[in-house]
Amino acid sequence: MSTTQKICLIALFVLVIFFGFFHLTESPSFMFDEGWYFQTSANLATTGIDGIQMAPGQINHITTFLTVGYPLIYPLGLWFKIFSVGIFQARFLMALFLIGFVAASYLLSKKMYGSVVALAVLTMVATFPPLYGNGKSVMGEVPGLFYLLLFLISSWNVRADDARKIFWIVLSGLLAGLAVATKPTFIVIVPGILIASYLEWRRGTLSLKEIGIGAASMFIPVLIWLVVQFRAGDSLTETLNYYANPYSLTDVRGVILNNIRHLFSDVGPLYTVSLLLVWAVAFFMRIKARIKLHAEEIIAFAFSVLIFFAYLRTPGLYRYLLPAQLLSLIFFPYSLLYISEAISRKVSVWHAKRMYVIAIILLGILGVYQLGFNSWVAQTYSSHKTASLQAYFTNEIKGSESVFFYNTPDVVPFMHGRNYYQYIILFDRSLGSENLPVLAAGRVDKVVAPTNYFEADKTGVFDHYTEIAKVYKYSILARRQKI
């Protein structure tokens, strides 16, 4: 590696570290789903129960609606145990996962394609704004991808380190299982693993016994997930129905068509489609040319395509595309280089490497600009949500006061003490509905509710309360004084 390449490598990792910790507690704003995972890990650290408090003295283990598993929840709980519970502490761990993912991206691409392509991969990944917009949040996608990339690196070492082949097979299986246990939607990695295992068996690099060892190793973390996630009496049918359709969509065909339209009309998804298309073209060009594809690329490609199809059955939240986006970024540079070289062999004026380097640099510059000034994560650099909520709950909520959190799991982490109730709405489902009579009877001192819910309420559930403050997008209600 030349001196220039070393300088670029250091500069890119400095950029990742800087933006990984930049406005850590505010950018992006602490989100609804984060509240679930934060509370679960915090309760695990402080009470030993991985669940959510729905009422004082009542912590419920959530089976069906918790779509992030123990490979994130348990490390975060341990992190809280060591460093205390807080938004900063949680986001700090997520920043470490993010940096680890970027480092794993570089190492994998360096093993597969060399240091020059690896530097291009690092440029693409390090300057991709959605990585920071989602990766800094307490969510499962980036930790799951971190485990997935470690699995691909270990899989590569199965062939590269014959002396410790069994060790790498076992480690590969364990890491693949951890990825699935972190984010159960990552189960779509299995078809790619089956295809790659079959091809490696045909090539003579894996025996059926070794494939069986890998499969058994992969099942161990998944089995642990089944044990810690589910309890006796949990409904398997309800759980599977929720995983299949968590948003209770009725017009699935209409949702799919609408998402397809957005893929080609919105800049972000269109960029991702373009990356995947370049990867697919290079992928099938090499198949046609009878070039042996790495098992790791086959697994990643199959996974990314299936993630795309899974995304079409969601309400269109772009974070569900993130796994496919990031893997496409990792395999885009080599794919672009391969296509460029193929064109240069037919068009003499096409300077493949020169055009390739220019394209990567321009995309990197565009990414830095968006990361700094023109992206979803950049828009939240000036946010003060976390600071405002921390100040309000520290200064305005007395320790003796009881609080009812109405569909605000993302606000609960700011509460001091455990004298609180929760009610959470999940489309056509809900948690804590048994607590609504407490609210309707005016038996709690304060209520925190989204302002739009409070203003549009026609059920009378807030009749005993009046608004005394607004913090961010939340209304703080106090019990009406009796005349």
Protein backbone atom coordinates (compact mmCIF):
# COMPACT_ATOMS: atom_id res chain seq x y z
CA MET A 1 0.00 0.00 0.00
CA SER A 2 1.42 3.37 -1.06
CA THR A 3 1.81 6.36 1.25
CA THR A 4 -1.08 8.11 -0.49
CA GLN A 5 -3.33 5.11 0.06
CA LYS A 6 -2.36 4.96 3.75
CA ILE A 7 -3.19 8.66 4.17
CA CYS A 8 -6.59 8.13 2.48
CA LEU A 9 -7.25 5.09 4.68
CA ILE A 10 -6.52 7.04 7.88
CA ALA A 11 -8.52 10.06 6.68
CA LEU A 12 -11.57 7.92 5.90
CA PHE A 13 -11.52 6.21 9.28
CA VAL A 14 -11.14 9.59 10.99
CA LEU A 15 -14.23 10.72 9.05
CA VAL A 16 -16.16 7.64 10.19
CA ILE A 17 -15.20 8.18 13.82
CA PHE A 18 -16.01 11.89 13.65
CA PHE A 19 -19.47 11.50 12.12
CA GLY A 20 -20.11 8.37 14.16
CA PHE A 21 -19.91 10.43 17.36
CA PHE A 22 -21.01 13.82 15.99
CA HIS A 23 -24.05 15.12 17.93
CA LEU A 24 -24.38 11.57 19.20
CA THR A 25 -27.45 12.00 21.39
CA GLU A 26 -29.35 14.32 19.04
CA SER A 27 -28.59 13.15 15.51
CA PRO A 28 -30.68 11.34 14.55
CA SER A 29 -33.45 12.15 17.01
CA PHE A 30 -34.18 9.41 19.51
CA MET A 31 -36.93 7.37 17.86
CA PHE A 32 -40.05 5.39 18.78
CA ASP A 33 -38.52 1.97 18.10
CA GLU A 34 -35.35 2.87 19.98
CA GLY A 35 -37.50 3.32 23.07
CA TRP A 36 -38.47 -0.37 22.95
CA TYR A 37 -34.93 -1.68 22.73
CA PHE A 38 -33.50 0.87 25.16
CA GLN A 39 -36.09 0.03 27.81
CA THR A 40 -35.63 -3.71 27.36
CA SER A 41 -31.85 -3.47 27.80
CA ALA A 42 -32.10 -0.97 30.66
CA ASN A 43 -34.55 -3.19 32.57
CA LEU A 44 -32.28 -6.17 31.96
CA ALA A 45 -29.39 -4.22 33.48
CA THR A 46 -31.28 -2.89 36.48
CA THR A 47 -33.80 -5.64 37.29
CA GLY A 48 -32.54 -8.72 35.44
CA ILE A 49 -35.74 -8.88 33.34
CA ASP A 50 -35.49 -8.25 29.59
CA GLY A 51 -38.85 -6.55 29.26
CA ILE A 52 -40.78 -3.30 29.31
CA GLN A 53 -42.42 -1.76 32.37
CA MET A 54 -46.12 -1.28 31.69
CA ALA A 55 -47.07 -0.27 35.25
CA PRO A 56 -45.24 0.28 38.55
CA GLY A 57 -43.80 -3.06 39.65
CA GLN A 58 -44.87 -4.76 36.40
CA ILE A 59 -42.21 -5.53 33.79
CA ASN A 60 -43.48 -7.60 30.87
CA HIS A 61 -41.22 -9.68 28.67
CA ILE A 62 -42.15 -8.80 25.07
CA THR A 63 -42.14 -11.75 22.73
CA THR A 64 -44.12 -10.96 19.62
CA PHE A 65 -43.37 -7.27 19.04
CA LEU A 66 -39.66 -7.18 19.87
CA THR A 67 -37.94 -7.63 16.51
CA VAL A 68 -34.38 -7.22 17.75
CA GLY A 69 -32.76 -10.14 19.54
CA TYR A 70 -30.32 -10.79 22.34
CA PRO A 71 -27.09 -10.18 20.32
CA LEU A 72 -27.96 -6.48 20.67
CA ILE A 73 -30.19 -6.43 23.76
CA TYR A 74 -27.80 -8.36 26.01
CA PRO A 75 -24.57 -6.48 25.09
CA LEU A 76 -26.44 -3.20 25.56
CA GLY A 77 -27.72 -4.42 28.93
CA LEU A 78 -24.17 -5.31 29.98
CA TRP A 79 -22.98 -1.93 28.68
CA PHE A 80 -25.60 -0.23 30.88
CA LYS A 81 -24.54 -2.38 33.82
CA ILE A 82 -20.96 -1.17 33.47
CA PHE A 83 -21.42 2.47 32.42
CA SER A 84 -24.94 3.22 33.80
CA VAL A 85 -28.16 3.75 31.84
CA GLY A 86 -28.46 6.70 29.49
CA ILE A 87 -29.04 7.84 25.92
CA PHE A 88 -25.38 8.78 25.48
CA GLN A 89 -24.19 5.39 26.72
CA ALA A 90 -26.58 3.53 24.39
CA ARG A 91 -25.66 5.61 21.35
CA PHE A 92 -21.94 5.23 22.18
CA LEU A 93 -22.22 1.46 21.89
CA MET A 94 -24.09 1.85 18.60
CA ALA A 95 -21.29 4.07 17.29
CA LEU A 96 -18.85 1.28 18.12
CA PHE A 97 -20.99 -1.20 16.18
CA LEU A 98 -21.03 1.28 13.28
CA ILE A 99 -17.24 1.67 13.28
CA GLY A 100 -16.87 -2.10 13.56
CA PHE A 101 -19.12 -2.57 10.55
CA VAL A 102 -17.06 -0.15 8.48
CA ALA A 103 -13.81 -1.86 9.51
CA ALA A 104 -15.28 -5.27 8.63
CA SER A 105 -16.36 -3.91 5.22
CA TYR A 106 -12.80 -2.84 4.52
CA LEU A 107 -11.26 -6.12 5.71
CA LEU A 108 -13.67 -8.28 3.71
CA SER A 109 -13.17 -6.34 0.48
CA LYS A 110 -9.38 -6.32 0.98
CA LYS A 111 -9.36 -10.11 1.32
CA MET A 112 -11.57 -10.54 -1.75
CA TYR A 113 -10.32 -7.83 -4.12
CA GLY A 114 -7.14 -6.23 -2.78
CA SER A 115 -6.26 -2.95 -1.07
CA VAL A 116 -7.16 -0.60 -3.96
CA VAL A 117 -10.74 -1.86 -4.27
CA ALA A 118 -10.98 -2.02 -0.47
CA LEU A 119 -10.12 1.68 -0.28
CA ALA A 120 -12.87 2.40 -2.82
CA VAL A 121 -15.30 0.35 -0.71
CA LEU A 122 -14.29 2.30 2.38
CA THR A 123 -14.90 5.55 0.50
CA MET A 124 -18.40 4.48 -0.50
CA VAL A 125 -19.41 3.14 2.91
CA ALA A 126 -17.81 5.87 5.03
CA THR A 127 -19.59 8.65 3.13
CA PHE A 128 -23.05 7.04 3.00
CA PRO A 129 -25.41 9.21 5.12
CA PRO A 130 -28.05 6.50 5.89
CA LEU A 131 -25.34 4.48 7.65
CA TYR A 132 -25.12 7.23 10.28
CA GLY A 133 -28.83 8.05 10.19
CA ASN A 134 -29.65 4.47 11.14
CA GLY A 135 -26.42 3.12 12.62
CA LYS A 136 -26.21 5.62 15.50
CA SER A 137 -29.73 4.73 16.60
CA VAL A 138 -30.41 1.81 18.96
CA MET A 139 -31.64 -0.42 16.14
CA GLY A 140 -30.77 -3.91 14.92
CA GLU A 141 -29.76 -3.40 11.29
CA VAL A 142 -26.14 -2.30 11.67
CA PRO A 143 -25.26 -4.71 14.52
CA GLY A 144 -26.85 -7.50 12.46
CA LEU A 145 -24.79 -6.48 9.43
CA PHE A 146 -21.67 -6.33 11.60
CA TYR A 147 -22.17 -9.98 12.58
CA LEU A 148 -23.00 -10.83 8.96
CA LEU A 149 -19.76 -9.33 7.64
CA LEU A 150 -17.74 -11.11 10.32
CA PHE A 151 -19.45 -14.28 9.11
CA LEU A 152 -18.39 -13.57 5.51
CA ILE A 153 -14.80 -12.89 6.63
CA SER A 154 -14.74 -16.16 8.57
CA SER A 155 -16.26 -17.95 5.59
CA TRP A 156 -13.41 -16.65 3.41
CA ASN A 157 -10.89 -17.94 5.95
CA VAL A 158 -12.40 -21.44 5.69
CA ARG A 159 -10.69 -21.71 2.29
CA ALA A 160 -7.70 -19.47 3.07
CA ASP A 161 -6.60 -21.17 6.31
CA ASP A 162 -6.78 -24.91 5.78
CA ALA A 163 -4.88 -25.65 9.00
CA ARG A 164 -7.75 -24.19 11.07
CA LYS A 165 -10.57 -24.99 8.70
CA ILE A 166 -12.93 -26.49 11.29
CA PHE A 167 -12.40 -23.53 13.60
CA TRP A 168 -13.42 -21.10 10.84
CA ILE A 169 -16.41 -23.27 9.87
CA VAL A 170 -17.69 -23.26 13.45
CA LEU A 171 -17.05 -19.53 13.83
CA SER A 172 -18.78 -18.83 10.52
CA GLY A 173 -21.86 -20.72 11.65
CA LEU A 174 -21.98 -18.98 15.02
CA LEU A 175 -21.68 -15.53 13.43
CA ALA A 176 -24.33 -16.27 10.82
CA GLY A 177 -26.64 -17.40 13.62
CA LEU A 178 -25.91 -14.24 15.60
CA ALA A 179 -26.84 -12.11 12.58
CA VAL A 180 -30.19 -13.90 12.29
CA ALA A 181 -30.80 -13.71 16.04
CA THR A 182 -30.06 -9.96 16.03
CA LYS A 183 -32.58 -9.22 13.30
CA PRO A 184 -34.85 -12.19 12.48
CA THR A 185 -35.56 -10.75 9.01
CA PHE A 186 -31.95 -11.70 8.27
CA ILE A 187 -33.18 -15.29 7.98
CA VAL A 188 -33.19 -14.55 4.24
CA ILE A 189 -29.45 -15.18 4.38
CA VAL A 190 -30.16 -18.93 4.46
CA PRO A 191 -30.93 -19.43 0.72
CA GLY A 192 -27.61 -17.79 -0.20
CA ILE A 193 -25.75 -19.98 2.29
CA LEU A 194 -27.40 -23.11 0.86
CA ILE A 195 -26.47 -22.16 -2.71
CA ALA A 196 -22.89 -21.28 -1.78
CA SER A 197 -22.48 -24.45 0.31
CA TYR A 198 -23.71 -26.58 -2.58
CA LEU A 199 -21.25 -24.92 -4.98
CA GLU A 200 -18.34 -25.30 -2.57
CA TRP A 201 -19.26 -28.98 -2.15
CA ARG A 202 -19.25 -29.39 -5.94
CA ARG A 203 -15.88 -27.63 -6.09
CA GLY A 204 -14.51 -29.99 -3.46
CA THR A 205 -13.67 -27.31 -0.90
CA LEU A 206 -16.35 -28.44 1.59
CA SER A 207 -17.47 -31.91 2.56
CA LEU A 208 -21.00 -32.78 3.64
CA LYS A 209 -19.67 -33.32 7.17
CA GLU A 210 -18.16 -29.81 7.22
CA ILE A 211 -21.39 -28.31 5.89
CA GLY A 212 -23.25 -30.12 8.66
CA ILE A 213 -20.86 -28.72 11.29
CA GLY A 214 -21.45 -25.21 9.94
CA ALA A 215 -25.22 -25.68 9.95
CA ALA A 216 -25.20 -27.01 13.52
CA SER A 217 -23.04 -24.08 14.63
CA MET A 218 -25.43 -21.61 13.00
CA PHE A 219 -28.38 -23.19 14.77
CA ILE A 220 -26.86 -22.69 18.25
CA PRO A 221 -27.35 -18.87 18.41
CA VAL A 222 -30.79 -19.24 16.81
CA LEU A 223 -31.75 -21.84 19.43
CA ILE A 224 -30.59 -19.49 22.18
CA TRP A 225 -32.75 -16.76 20.62
CA LEU A 226 -35.77 -19.08 20.66
CA VAL A 227 -35.15 -19.89 24.33
CA VAL A 228 -34.66 -16.31 25.56
CA GLN A 229 -37.26 -14.73 23.28
CA PHE A 230 -40.25 -17.01 23.81
CA ARG A 231 -42.08 -18.09 26.91
CA ALA A 232 -44.48 -20.93 27.68
CA GLY A 233 -47.92 -19.97 26.45
CA ASP A 234 -46.71 -17.63 23.70
CA SER A 235 -48.74 -17.98 20.54
CA LEU A 236 -46.61 -19.23 17.65
CA THR A 237 -49.34 -18.30 15.17
CA GLU A 238 -49.58 -14.72 16.47
CA THR A 239 -45.80 -14.35 16.37
CA LEU A 240 -45.48 -15.66 12.82
CA ASN A 241 -48.38 -13.48 11.67
CA TYR A 242 -46.71 -10.42 13.19
CA TYR A 243 -43.34 -11.16 11.60
CA ALA A 244 -45.04 -11.76 8.25
CA ASN A 245 -47.13 -8.56 8.44
CA PRO A 246 -46.02 -6.35 11.36
CA TYR A 247 -47.85 -3.30 10.04
CA SER A 248 -51.18 -5.10 9.59
CA LEU A 249 -51.32 -4.18 5.92
CA THR A 250 -54.52 -5.12 4.13
CA ASP A 251 -53.93 -3.98 0.54
CA VAL A 252 -50.60 -5.78 0.13
CA ARG A 253 -50.74 -5.56 -3.67
CA GLY A 254 -51.26 -1.80 -3.53
CA VAL A 255 -48.41 -1.42 -1.02
CA ILE A 256 -46.04 -3.42 -3.25
CA LEU A 257 -46.91 -1.36 -6.33
CA ASN A 258 -46.48 1.89 -4.41
CA ASN A 259 -43.08 0.81 -3.10
CA ILE A 260 -41.95 -0.19 -6.59
CA ARG A 261 -42.93 3.28 -7.80
CA HIS A 262 -40.92 4.92 -5.02
CA LEU A 263 -37.88 2.80 -5.86
CA PHE A 264 -37.66 4.57 -9.20
CA SER A 265 -38.96 8.01 -8.26
CA ASP A 266 -37.14 8.85 -5.00
CA VAL A 267 -33.43 9.65 -5.14
CA GLY A 268 -32.31 7.43 -2.24
CA PRO A 269 -33.97 4.19 -3.37
CA LEU A 270 -33.09 4.90 -7.01
CA TYR A 271 -29.43 5.20 -5.99
CA THR A 272 -29.67 1.84 -4.25
CA VAL A 273 -31.37 0.24 -7.25
CA SER A 274 -28.57 1.58 -9.45
CA LEU A 275 -25.90 0.11 -7.16
CA LEU A 276 -27.61 -3.27 -7.09
CA LEU A 277 -28.11 -3.18 -10.85
CA VAL A 278 -24.39 -2.56 -11.48
CA TRP A 279 -23.59 -5.41 -9.08
CA ALA A 280 -26.10 -7.70 -10.81
CA VAL A 281 -24.71 -6.92 -14.29
CA ALA A 282 -21.15 -7.68 -13.21
CA PHE A 283 -22.35 -10.74 -11.30
CA PHE A 284 -24.03 -12.32 -14.32
CA MET A 285 -21.28 -11.20 -16.73
CA ARG A 286 -18.83 -13.24 -14.69
CA ILE A 287 -21.18 -16.20 -14.63
CA LYS A 288 -21.46 -16.01 -18.41
CA ALA A 289 -17.67 -15.80 -18.69
CA ARG A 290 -17.40 -18.88 -16.44
CA ILE A 291 -15.45 -16.97 -13.80
CA LYS A 292 -15.68 -18.60 -10.40
CA LEU A 293 -17.60 -16.38 -8.00
CA HIS A 294 -16.62 -16.20 -4.36
CA ALA A 295 -19.08 -17.93 -2.05
CA GLU A 296 -19.22 -14.77 0.08
CA GLU A 297 -20.41 -12.67 -2.84
CA ILE A 298 -23.05 -15.24 -3.77
CA ILE A 299 -24.38 -15.18 -0.20
CA ALA A 300 -24.38 -11.37 -0.05
CA PHE A 301 -26.04 -11.01 -3.46
CA ALA A 302 -28.84 -13.47 -2.69
CA PHE A 303 -29.37 -11.81 0.69
CA SER A 304 -29.57 -8.32 -0.84
CA VAL A 305 -32.06 -9.34 -3.53
CA LEU A 306 -34.30 -11.03 -0.96
CA ILE A 307 -34.09 -7.97 1.32
CA PHE A 308 -35.36 -5.92 -1.62
CA PHE A 309 -38.33 -8.23 -2.07
CA ALA A 310 -39.02 -8.21 1.68
CA TYR A 311 -38.96 -4.40 1.64
CA LEU A 312 -41.74 -4.29 -0.94
CA ARG A 313 -44.16 -5.74 1.63
CA THR A 314 -43.50 -2.98 4.18
CA PRO A 315 -45.00 0.52 4.47
CA GLY A 316 -41.96 1.82 2.58
CA LEU A 317 -39.65 2.88 5.41
CA TYR A 318 -36.25 3.16 3.76
CA ARG A 319 -34.35 1.77 6.75
CA TYR A 320 -35.66 -1.66 5.75
CA LEU A 321 -33.55 -1.28 2.61
CA LEU A 322 -30.41 -0.49 4.60
CA PRO A 323 -28.94 -4.04 4.62
CA ALA A 324 -29.23 -4.25 0.83
CA GLN A 325 -27.95 -0.69 0.44
CA LEU A 326 -24.81 -1.29 2.47
CA LEU A 327 -23.96 -4.65 0.92
CA SER A 328 -24.48 -3.16 -2.54
CA LEU A 329 -22.04 -0.38 -1.61
CA ILE A 330 -19.46 -2.98 -0.58
CA PHE A 331 -19.67 -4.92 -3.85
CA PHE A 332 -20.29 -1.94 -6.16
CA PRO A 333 -16.64 -0.79 -6.59
CA TYR A 334 -15.33 -4.12 -7.85
CA SER A 335 -18.43 -4.58 -10.03
CA LEU A 336 -17.94 -1.13 -11.55
CA LEU A 337 -14.28 -1.86 -12.16
CA TYR A 338 -15.07 -5.18 -13.85
CA ILE A 339 -17.65 -3.60 -16.15
CA SER A 340 -15.32 -0.68 -16.94
CA GLU A 341 -12.52 -3.03 -17.90
CA ALA A 342 -14.91 -5.06 -20.06
CA ILE A 343 -15.96 -1.88 -21.88
CA SER A 344 -12.35 -0.70 -22.29
CA ARG A 345 -11.50 -3.94 -24.10
CA LYS A 346 -14.09 -3.04 -26.75
CA VAL A 347 -13.83 0.76 -26.76
CA SER A 348 -10.21 1.81 -26.98
CA VAL A 349 -10.82 5.40 -25.84
CA TRP A 350 -12.31 4.17 -22.54
CA HIS A 351 -9.66 4.35 -19.82
CA ALA A 352 -11.16 1.93 -17.34
CA LYS A 353 -9.10 2.60 -14.22
CA ARG A 354 -9.06 6.35 -14.74
CA MET A 355 -12.84 6.52 -15.13
CA TYR A 356 -13.26 4.15 -12.19
CA VAL A 357 -11.15 6.28 -9.86
CA ILE A 358 -12.93 9.48 -10.96
CA ALA A 359 -16.36 7.88 -10.37
CA ILE A 360 -15.45 6.69 -6.85
CA ILE A 361 -13.95 10.07 -5.90
CA LEU A 362 -17.01 11.98 -7.19
CA LEU A 363 -19.39 9.66 -5.34
CA GLY A 364 -17.30 10.07 -2.19
CA ILE A 365 -17.36 13.87 -2.46
CA LEU A 366 -21.12 13.81 -3.01
CA GLY A 367 -21.50 11.56 0.04
CA VAL A 368 -19.46 13.89 2.25
CA TYR A 369 -21.53 16.87 1.12
CA GLN A 370 -24.78 15.05 1.86
CA LEU A 371 -23.44 13.77 5.16
CA GLY A 372 -22.54 17.28 6.23
CA PHE A 373 -25.33 19.38 4.77
CA ASN A 374 -28.07 17.68 2.77
CA SER A 375 -29.41 14.43 4.21
CA TRP A 376 -31.83 13.18 6.82
CA VAL A 377 -29.07 12.80 9.40
CA ALA A 378 -27.69 16.28 8.59
CA GLN A 379 -31.12 17.81 9.19
CA THR A 380 -31.00 16.66 12.82
CA TYR A 381 -27.62 18.17 13.70
CA SER A 382 -29.47 21.16 15.15
CA SER A 383 -32.03 19.04 17.05
CA HIS A 384 -32.41 19.53 20.80
CA LYS A 385 -34.96 16.80 21.50
CA THR A 386 -32.80 14.79 23.88
CA ALA A 387 -31.51 17.85 25.74
CA SER A 388 -35.03 19.32 26.07
CA LEU A 389 -36.56 16.11 27.40
CA GLN A 390 -33.68 15.50 29.79
CA ALA A 391 -34.01 19.04 31.15
CA TYR A 392 -37.78 18.81 31.52
CA PHE A 393 -37.83 15.48 33.34
CA THR A 394 -34.95 16.54 35.58
CA ASN A 395 -36.36 19.94 36.52
CA GLU A 396 -40.14 19.66 36.18
CA ILE A 397 -41.11 16.08 37.14
CA LYS A 398 -40.94 15.47 40.88
CA GLY A 399 -39.69 12.14 42.10
CA SER A 400 -42.96 11.45 43.90
CA GLU A 401 -45.15 12.13 40.83
CA SER A 402 -46.72 9.34 38.82
CA VAL A 403 -46.58 9.60 35.02
CA PHE A 404 -48.58 7.95 32.25
CA PHE A 405 -46.72 7.58 28.93
CA TYR A 406 -49.35 7.42 26.20
CA ASN A 407 -47.75 5.88 23.07
CA THR A 408 -44.38 7.43 23.84
CA PRO A 409 -41.87 4.62 24.47
CA ASP A 410 -39.15 6.94 23.20
CA VAL A 411 -39.77 9.34 26.12
CA VAL A 412 -39.75 6.75 28.92
CA PRO A 413 -35.89 6.59 28.98
CA PHE A 414 -35.88 10.19 30.28
CA MET A 415 -38.01 9.29 33.31
CA HIS A 416 -36.31 9.23 36.71
CA GLY A 417 -37.68 6.45 38.88
CA ARG A 418 -40.25 3.74 38.17
CA ASN A 419 -43.53 5.36 39.13
CA TYR A 420 -45.01 5.25 35.64
CA TYR A 421 -47.49 3.49 33.35
CA GLN A 422 -47.37 2.88 29.60
CA TYR A 423 -49.79 2.37 26.77
CA ILE A 424 -48.34 1.66 23.32
CA ILE A 425 -50.21 1.53 20.01
CA LEU A 426 -48.90 -0.76 17.27
CA PHE A 427 -51.23 -0.20 14.32
CA ASP A 428 -54.18 -2.54 15.01
CA ARG A 429 -52.50 -3.93 18.13
CA SER A 430 -51.64 -2.38 21.48
CA LEU A 431 -49.83 -3.01 24.74
CA GLY A 432 -50.92 -1.79 28.15
CA SER A 433 -54.60 -1.31 27.34
CA GLU A 434 -55.36 -2.58 30.85
CA ASN A 435 -53.80 0.67 32.12
CA LEU A 436 -56.22 2.98 30.27
CA PRO A 437 -58.79 2.98 33.14
CA VAL A 438 -56.06 4.47 35.36
CA LEU A 439 -55.70 7.33 32.89
CA ALA A 440 -59.44 7.74 32.26
CA ALA A 441 -60.06 7.97 36.01
CA GLY A 442 -57.42 10.67 36.45
CA ARG A 443 -55.35 8.64 38.89
CA VAL A 444 -51.89 9.72 37.69
CA ASP A 445 -50.28 13.10 38.23
CA LYS A 446 -48.84 13.75 34.76
CA VAL A 447 -49.39 12.42 31.25
CA VAL A 448 -47.00 12.50 28.28
CA ALA A 449 -48.66 12.09 24.89
CA PRO A 450 -47.83 12.99 21.29
CA THR A 451 -49.37 16.40 20.68
CA ASN A 452 -51.23 15.19 17.60
CA TYR A 453 -52.82 12.35 19.61
CA PHE A 454 -53.84 14.72 22.41
CA GLU A 455 -55.32 17.32 20.08
CA ALA A 456 -57.22 14.78 17.98
CA ASP A 457 -58.50 12.65 20.86
CA LYS A 458 -62.27 12.10 20.88
CA THR A 459 -62.39 9.20 23.32
CA GLY A 460 -62.31 11.37 26.42
CA VAL A 461 -59.32 9.50 27.84
CA PHE A 462 -57.60 12.82 28.64
CA ASP A 463 -60.67 14.54 30.12
CA HIS A 464 -59.18 14.76 33.59
CA TYR A 465 -56.05 16.53 32.30
CA THR A 466 -55.01 19.84 30.83
CA GLU A 467 -51.91 20.69 28.81
CA ILE A 468 -49.26 22.54 30.80
CA ALA A 469 -46.27 22.32 28.44
CA LYS A 470 -45.01 21.14 25.08
CA VAL A 471 -41.61 19.58 24.68
CA TYR A 472 -40.57 18.77 21.13
CA LYS A 473 -43.66 17.02 19.69
CA TYR A 474 -45.08 15.92 23.02
CA SER A 475 -47.74 17.46 25.23
CA ILE A 476 -47.24 17.33 28.97
CA LEU A 477 -50.59 17.11 30.78
CA ALA A 478 -51.37 17.69 34.43
CA ARG A 479 -54.42 16.66 36.40
CA ARG A 480 -57.10 19.33 36.48
CA GLN A 481 -57.58 21.04 39.79
CA LYS A 482 -60.92 20.33 41.41
CA ILE A 483 -63.03 23.44 41.98
